[in-house]
Structure formats: structure tokens, C-alpha cells
Amino acid sequence: MEELYSIGETAKLNDVSIKSLRHYDEIGLLKPRYIDPETGYRYYCYSQFSFIDKIKRYKNIGMSLKELRDLFQSQDLSRLAAFLEEQKQMLDEEERLLQEKRQDVQWLADFFAYSKGLAVENDISIKEFPAMTMICVPCQGDDSMYAMDMELRRITVSPEFRSCQILNPYGYILDFDHLLKNEMYPSASTVCVRDAPDDSPYIFTAPAGRYLCCKARILSNHWNVDPLIAYCREHQFRPSLVLACEYLSSLYDPRNSPYELRLLLSDSCLPLSKGGNP
């Protein structure tokens, strides 16, 4: 006869609680080898320890006690194989979602770091940027900010983009001729996005390349980009794309947020008309 171990000894040797062993008995998952009829004390034998190992192992990968009981009672290993395949798929999906969250955290960390590092107002610089995919909603330059923001919001929450990840920065595509007059005239309202549908008419990708950049508070009542205008006139070029990307200086006053104006520099830039007038 196999040596018997008390429920306390069994719990200690297998690193499980006495309460758990009693529960396994109650639900028919693991019955004691012997129960003293006079005291009601439960006793287990060494050969049952391997079942306790399996219970701990399969619980650890997500199998419920009911599923374990049914598996042990059926002795059907194909059910175990099917469960393990389902768990692999679930873990793959969890890993994918976790990776997306990591990307979001890194994106926001980079966004805030870039916001803090923006040059002072009206400083001109040339920077290299990767391609940037964005939702791009056409607008008229005389639309109110409210109308532009609401239309962009309506599109971003539509079923077409529900599975996409909306990212910073928000912004606009600006008309260059108006910019030369220190006027903000958006042709589109934009926001960066990840995992966007390829066939949407609202998706626009700002090309990778070198951009002429200048920080300005374009939503304030008094702003000007005279140094940027002078630079464009002096070098006689017309950029093919003007982006205004919103960055943060405050969580509570978005109307006063700084924007980085980015003018795409490329071989296709057209010269300004003679005399520098638009």
C-alpha cells in the first residue's frame, strides 16, 4: 500500500493551499486517496502529486478547474491540444495588443519630448521627417475652428476608422499663398493615424523628406512668420506641401498651443513669381 500523506503534508509538499485541495475534492477534480471515516481527515498518496502538478500547470496557462475536471475525466488528449492551440492564439492577440500599447506609449513620449524641444518662435530650421499617415478632411479656409474640428472628429469616430489608432499631432494643411500674407487658410484638417484603411479617400500620407520648419502660435490673435516668409522669398521656392502640426505647451489651453509649420523641400518646389509676390 502506498504511503499516505495528510492534507497538510500534501499541501506543503506541493505548494498548494489546504483550501484548494478541499475545493478540488468538492468539485470532483481530485479526490483524496483515503478519508478517515471517524475523523473525516483527507489523505493523499504520492502518485496523486503528479495530478496536482498538472492542475497547477494548466491553471497557470488559463485552464479553468471545470475544464481540468472534464479533461481528466474524459482522458481525451485531443481536447488538451485544442485548448493549447486556443491559448496560443489568445496570447498572440494579447501580445499584439500589448505591442500596440507600447507603441502608443512611445509615440506619446516622443511627442511630449518633441513639444518641449521645439525651437523658439520664428526660428527657421531644416529637419528630416519620416512619412506621416493622417486622416485628412477637406475644409474651406473661412470655416470656423469649431466646424473644422467637429468635421474631423465626425470622420475619426466613423465606422471606417473605428479600428484605427488616432495619434498626435493634430494639425492642418495650409495654403502657401495665404501663409505668405501671415494668414491661416487651411485646405484640410488633419490628425495622424495608425493602421488606416488603404482605400479611404480621407487618408493622406505626408511624404518623408526635408522640411523647412518654423514654430508659431497660429491660433492666437497676433502671430506672424515673417522670418519664414523672408526665407521663402530669398530662396525663391514654393513648397508643394505646408503642414501645421500642433504641439503642447499646456494641457488646459489648446487654443494657445504652438504649431510647427513644415514646408516640404523637394526638387518639385516651384519658384515664386518674379519679385517675390505670390
Protein backbone atom coordinates (compact mmCIF):
# COMPACT_ATOMS: atom_id res chain seq x y z
CA MET A 1 0.00 0.00 0.00
CA GLU A 2 1.27 3.44 -0.92
CA GLU A 3 2.31 5.73 1.86
CA LEU A 4 -0.38 8.28 2.64
CA TYR A 5 0.14 11.94 3.36
CA SER A 6 -2.17 14.18 5.32
CA ILE A 7 -3.81 17.08 3.60
CA GLY A 8 -1.43 19.42 5.43
CA GLU A 9 1.63 17.47 4.31
CA THR A 10 0.29 17.26 0.76
CA ALA A 11 -0.31 20.99 0.65
CA LYS A 12 3.19 21.74 1.93
CA LEU A 13 4.97 19.26 -0.38
CA ASN A 14 3.13 20.57 -3.45
CA ASP A 15 2.96 24.28 -2.60
CA VAL A 16 -0.82 24.46 -2.69
CA SER A 17 -3.24 25.55 -0.02
CA ILE A 18 -5.33 23.20 2.09
CA LYS A 19 -8.37 25.20 1.00
CA SER A 20 -7.57 24.48 -2.66
CA LEU A 21 -7.22 20.73 -2.04
CA ARG A 22 -10.58 20.70 -0.26
CA HIS A 23 -12.15 22.58 -3.18
CA TYR A 24 -10.66 20.12 -5.70
CA ASP A 25 -12.29 17.33 -3.72
CA GLU A 26 -15.68 19.08 -3.58
CA ILE A 27 -15.88 19.66 -7.35
CA GLY A 28 -14.64 16.17 -8.22
CA LEU A 29 -11.33 17.31 -9.67
CA LEU A 30 -9.02 15.47 -7.25
CA LYS A 31 -10.41 13.13 -4.63
CA PRO A 32 -8.23 12.09 -1.67
CA ARG A 33 -6.98 8.52 -1.83
CA TYR A 34 -8.38 7.88 1.63
CA ILE A 35 -10.73 9.67 4.04
CA ASP A 36 -10.71 8.57 7.66
CA PRO A 37 -14.34 7.60 8.39
CA GLU A 38 -14.04 8.62 12.03
CA THR A 39 -12.20 11.95 11.73
CA GLY A 40 -13.01 12.90 8.14
CA TYR A 41 -9.33 13.69 7.57
CA ARG A 42 -8.21 13.55 3.95
CA TYR A 43 -5.08 11.64 2.88
CA TYR A 44 -3.28 11.63 -0.46
CA CYS A 45 -0.71 9.30 -1.98
CA TYR A 46 2.46 10.14 -3.88
CA SER A 47 1.05 9.08 -7.28
CA GLN A 48 -1.56 11.84 -6.94
CA PHE A 49 1.11 14.52 -6.71
CA SER A 50 1.56 14.43 -10.49
CA PHE A 51 -2.13 15.38 -10.84
CA ILE A 52 -1.55 18.32 -8.53
CA ASP A 53 1.39 19.33 -10.74
CA LYS A 54 -0.86 19.20 -13.81
CA ILE A 55 -3.60 21.20 -12.08
CA LYS A 56 -1.10 23.94 -11.16
CA ARG A 57 0.49 23.96 -14.60
CA TYR A 58 -2.73 24.10 -16.61
CA LYS A 59 -4.31 26.63 -14.26
CA ASN A 60 -1.27 28.78 -14.83
CA ILE A 61 -1.93 28.89 -18.59
CA GLY A 62 -5.59 29.75 -18.19
CA MET A 63 -7.49 26.45 -17.97
CA SER A 64 -10.44 26.60 -15.59
CA LEU A 65 -10.96 23.99 -12.89
CA LYS A 66 -14.10 22.77 -14.67
CA GLU A 67 -12.15 22.33 -17.91
CA LEU A 68 -9.46 20.47 -15.98
CA ARG A 69 -12.01 18.18 -14.36
CA ASP A 70 -13.64 17.40 -17.70
CA LEU A 71 -10.24 16.78 -19.28
CA PHE A 72 -9.14 14.38 -16.56
CA GLN A 73 -12.45 12.54 -16.61
CA SER A 74 -12.51 12.20 -20.40
CA GLN A 75 -8.80 11.34 -20.71
CA ASP A 76 -9.06 12.85 -24.20
CA LEU A 77 -5.72 14.45 -25.05
CA SER A 78 -7.14 15.97 -28.22
CA ARG A 79 -9.15 18.34 -26.01
CA LEU A 80 -5.92 19.42 -24.35
CA ALA A 81 -4.30 20.02 -27.75
CA ALA A 82 -7.29 22.13 -28.85
CA PHE A 83 -7.18 24.15 -25.63
CA LEU A 84 -3.46 24.79 -26.00
CA GLU A 85 -3.95 25.98 -29.58
CA GLU A 86 -6.69 28.38 -28.44
CA GLN A 87 -4.43 29.68 -25.68
CA LYS A 88 -1.61 30.26 -28.16
CA GLN A 89 -3.92 32.29 -30.38
CA MET A 90 -5.21 34.28 -27.40
CA LEU A 91 -1.67 35.00 -26.20
CA ASP A 92 -0.63 36.04 -29.70
CA GLU A 93 -3.52 38.52 -29.76
CA GLU A 94 -2.66 39.80 -26.27
CA GLU A 95 0.95 40.22 -27.37
CA ARG A 96 -0.18 42.16 -30.43
CA LEU A 97 -2.34 44.46 -28.31
CA LEU A 98 0.47 44.93 -25.80
CA GLN A 99 2.85 45.84 -28.60
CA GLU A 100 0.35 48.43 -29.84
CA LYS A 101 0.12 49.91 -26.34
CA ARG A 102 3.91 50.07 -26.18
CA GLN A 103 3.93 51.88 -29.50
CA ASP A 104 1.30 54.31 -28.21
CA VAL A 105 3.29 55.00 -25.06
CA GLN A 106 6.47 55.55 -27.07
CA TRP A 107 4.63 57.74 -29.55
CA LEU A 108 3.29 59.96 -26.76
CA ALA A 109 6.67 60.06 -25.01
CA ASP A 110 8.31 61.16 -28.26
CA PHE A 111 5.51 63.68 -28.87
CA PHE A 112 5.92 65.32 -25.47
CA ALA A 113 9.71 65.31 -25.73
CA TYR A 114 9.49 66.93 -29.18
CA SER A 115 7.00 69.50 -27.86
CA LYS A 116 9.46 70.53 -25.13
CA GLY A 117 12.32 70.72 -27.58
CA LEU A 118 10.69 72.95 -30.19
CA ALA A 119 12.74 75.98 -31.15
CA VAL A 120 11.75 79.46 -30.04
CA GLU A 121 9.13 81.35 -32.02
CA ASN A 122 10.05 82.09 -35.65
CA ASP A 123 13.40 80.29 -35.62
CA ILE A 124 13.97 78.65 -39.01
CA SER A 125 15.40 75.17 -39.31
CA ILE A 126 15.51 72.32 -41.79
CA LYS A 127 14.56 68.90 -40.44
CA GLU A 128 14.23 65.40 -41.81
CA PHE A 129 10.91 63.61 -41.14
CA PRO A 130 9.62 60.13 -41.97
CA ALA A 131 6.39 59.66 -43.91
CA MET A 132 3.34 60.51 -41.81
CA THR A 133 -0.06 58.93 -42.43
CA MET A 134 -3.02 61.06 -41.44
CA ILE A 135 -6.77 61.41 -41.71
CA CYS A 136 -7.24 64.46 -43.89
CA VAL A 137 -10.64 66.18 -44.02
CA PRO A 138 -11.03 68.95 -46.63
CA CYS A 139 -12.22 72.31 -45.37
CA GLN A 140 -12.63 75.88 -46.54
CA GLY A 141 -10.21 78.35 -45.08
CA ASP A 142 -13.07 80.52 -43.84
CA ASP A 143 -14.67 77.63 -41.90
CA SER A 144 -14.80 78.26 -38.17
CA MET A 145 -12.37 76.31 -35.98
CA TYR A 146 -15.41 74.64 -34.44
CA ALA A 147 -16.69 73.48 -37.83
CA MET A 148 -13.29 72.12 -38.85
CA ASP A 149 -12.72 70.33 -35.56
CA MET A 150 -16.21 68.82 -35.50
CA GLU A 151 -15.98 67.51 -39.06
CA LEU A 152 -12.61 65.90 -38.35
CA ARG A 153 -13.98 64.37 -35.18
CA ARG A 154 -17.05 63.05 -37.02
CA ILE A 155 -14.81 61.29 -39.54
CA THR A 156 -12.37 59.84 -36.99
CA VAL A 157 -15.19 58.18 -35.00
CA SER A 158 -16.96 56.84 -38.08
CA PRO A 159 -17.09 53.04 -38.62
CA GLU A 160 -14.40 53.35 -41.29
CA PHE A 161 -11.80 54.39 -38.72
CA ARG A 162 -13.12 52.72 -35.58
CA SER A 163 -10.34 50.11 -35.56
CA CYS A 164 -7.59 52.68 -36.19
CA GLN A 165 -5.39 54.28 -33.57
CA ILE A 166 -5.66 58.07 -33.57
CA LEU A 167 -2.34 59.71 -32.73
CA ASN A 168 -0.85 63.13 -32.15
CA PRO A 169 -0.24 65.57 -33.67
CA TYR A 170 -3.43 67.17 -34.90
CA GLY A 171 -2.98 69.89 -37.45
CA TYR A 172 -3.81 71.41 -40.81
CA ILE A 173 -2.66 71.58 -44.38
CA LEU A 174 -2.24 75.29 -45.13
CA ASP A 175 -2.45 77.31 -48.28
CA PHE A 176 1.00 78.72 -49.01
CA ASP A 177 -0.16 81.91 -50.72
CA HIS A 178 -2.13 82.93 -47.65
CA LEU A 179 0.76 81.96 -45.39
CA LEU A 180 2.91 84.49 -47.28
CA LYS A 181 0.44 87.12 -46.05
CA ASN A 182 0.57 85.83 -42.45
CA GLU A 183 -2.91 84.39 -42.91
CA MET A 184 -4.03 80.98 -41.75
CA TYR A 185 -6.09 79.43 -44.52
CA PRO A 186 -6.45 75.63 -44.07
CA SER A 187 -7.29 73.43 -47.02
CA ALA A 188 -7.65 70.41 -44.73
CA SER A 189 -7.83 69.47 -41.06
CA THR A 190 -5.63 66.51 -40.10
CA VAL A 191 -4.68 64.03 -37.41
CA CYS A 192 -2.08 61.27 -37.50
CA VAL A 193 -3.35 57.70 -37.56
CA ARG A 194 -2.03 54.15 -37.40
CA ASP A 195 -3.48 51.09 -39.18
CA ALA A 196 -5.53 53.20 -41.55
CA PRO A 197 -7.52 51.64 -44.43
CA ASP A 198 -5.69 51.88 -47.73
CA ASP A 199 -8.72 52.73 -49.84
CA SER A 200 -10.17 55.61 -47.82
CA PRO A 201 -10.47 58.99 -49.57
CA TYR A 202 -9.69 60.62 -46.22
CA ILE A 203 -6.23 59.09 -45.91
CA PHE A 204 -3.24 61.21 -46.90
CA THR A 205 0.44 60.43 -46.42
CA ALA A 206 2.79 63.34 -45.99
CA PRO A 207 5.98 62.23 -47.75
CA ALA A 208 9.24 61.58 -45.99
CA GLY A 209 11.89 64.18 -46.64
CA ARG A 210 13.39 67.50 -45.65
CA TYR A 211 11.08 70.21 -44.37
CA LEU A 212 11.65 73.87 -43.67
CA CYS A 213 10.30 74.36 -40.15
CA CYS A 214 9.17 77.28 -38.04
CA LYS A 215 7.32 77.39 -34.70
CA ALA A 216 4.30 79.73 -34.48
CA ARG A 217 1.11 80.07 -32.44
CA ILE A 218 -1.16 80.18 -35.47
CA LEU A 219 -4.40 80.16 -33.46
CA SER A 220 -3.55 83.26 -31.45
CA ASN A 221 -4.86 86.65 -32.47
CA HIS A 222 -1.47 88.10 -33.27
CA TRP A 223 1.04 85.89 -35.00
CA ASN A 224 3.42 86.24 -37.86
CA VAL A 225 6.02 84.16 -39.61
CA ASP A 226 7.93 86.99 -41.25
CA PRO A 227 11.29 85.20 -40.97
CA LEU A 228 9.82 82.18 -42.73
CA ILE A 229 8.27 84.37 -45.43
CA ALA A 230 11.57 86.19 -45.92
CA TYR A 231 13.40 82.87 -46.19
CA CYS A 232 10.99 81.60 -48.86
CA ARG A 233 11.27 84.81 -50.87
CA GLU A 234 15.04 84.91 -50.60
CA HIS A 235 15.42 81.33 -51.81
CA GLN A 236 12.71 81.65 -54.43
CA PHE A 237 10.77 78.48 -53.82
CA ARG A 238 7.20 77.40 -53.40
CA PRO A 239 6.78 74.25 -51.30
CA SER A 240 4.47 71.53 -52.57
CA LEU A 241 3.05 70.96 -49.08
CA VAL A 242 2.61 73.09 -45.96
CA LEU A 243 1.77 71.28 -42.73
CA ALA A 244 0.88 72.87 -39.42
CA CYS A 245 1.44 70.33 -36.62
CA GLU A 246 0.06 71.03 -33.16
CA TYR A 247 2.27 70.53 -30.12
CA LEU A 248 1.66 71.09 -26.42
CA SER A 249 2.66 73.78 -24.01
CA SER A 250 -0.36 73.26 -21.73
CA LEU A 251 -2.97 70.56 -21.14
CA TYR A 252 -5.63 73.21 -20.46
CA ASP A 253 -5.23 75.80 -23.19
CA PRO A 254 -5.16 74.14 -26.63
CA ARG A 255 -6.01 77.41 -28.35
CA ASN A 256 -2.60 78.72 -27.33
CA SER A 257 -0.70 75.59 -28.40
CA PRO A 258 2.40 76.09 -30.51
CA TYR A 259 2.36 74.74 -34.05
CA GLU A 260 5.32 73.69 -36.11
CA LEU A 261 4.95 74.82 -39.70
CA ARG A 262 6.60 72.32 -42.04
CA LEU A 263 7.21 73.26 -45.66
CA LEU A 264 8.23 70.32 -47.81
CA LEU A 265 11.50 70.91 -49.62
CA SER A 266 11.86 68.91 -52.81
CA ASP A 267 13.07 69.14 -56.38
CA SER A 268 9.49 69.81 -57.42
CA CYS A 269 9.27 73.08 -55.47
CA LEU A 270 8.19 75.87 -57.82
CA PRO A 271 9.85 79.30 -57.70
CA LEU A 272 7.86 82.25 -56.52
CA SER A 273 6.70 84.68 -59.15
CA LYS A 274 9.06 87.43 -60.14
CA GLY A 275 9.59 89.99 -57.44
CA GLY A 276 8.66 87.52 -54.71
CA ASN A 277 4.95 88.31 -54.80
CA PRO A 278 2.56 85.36 -54.61
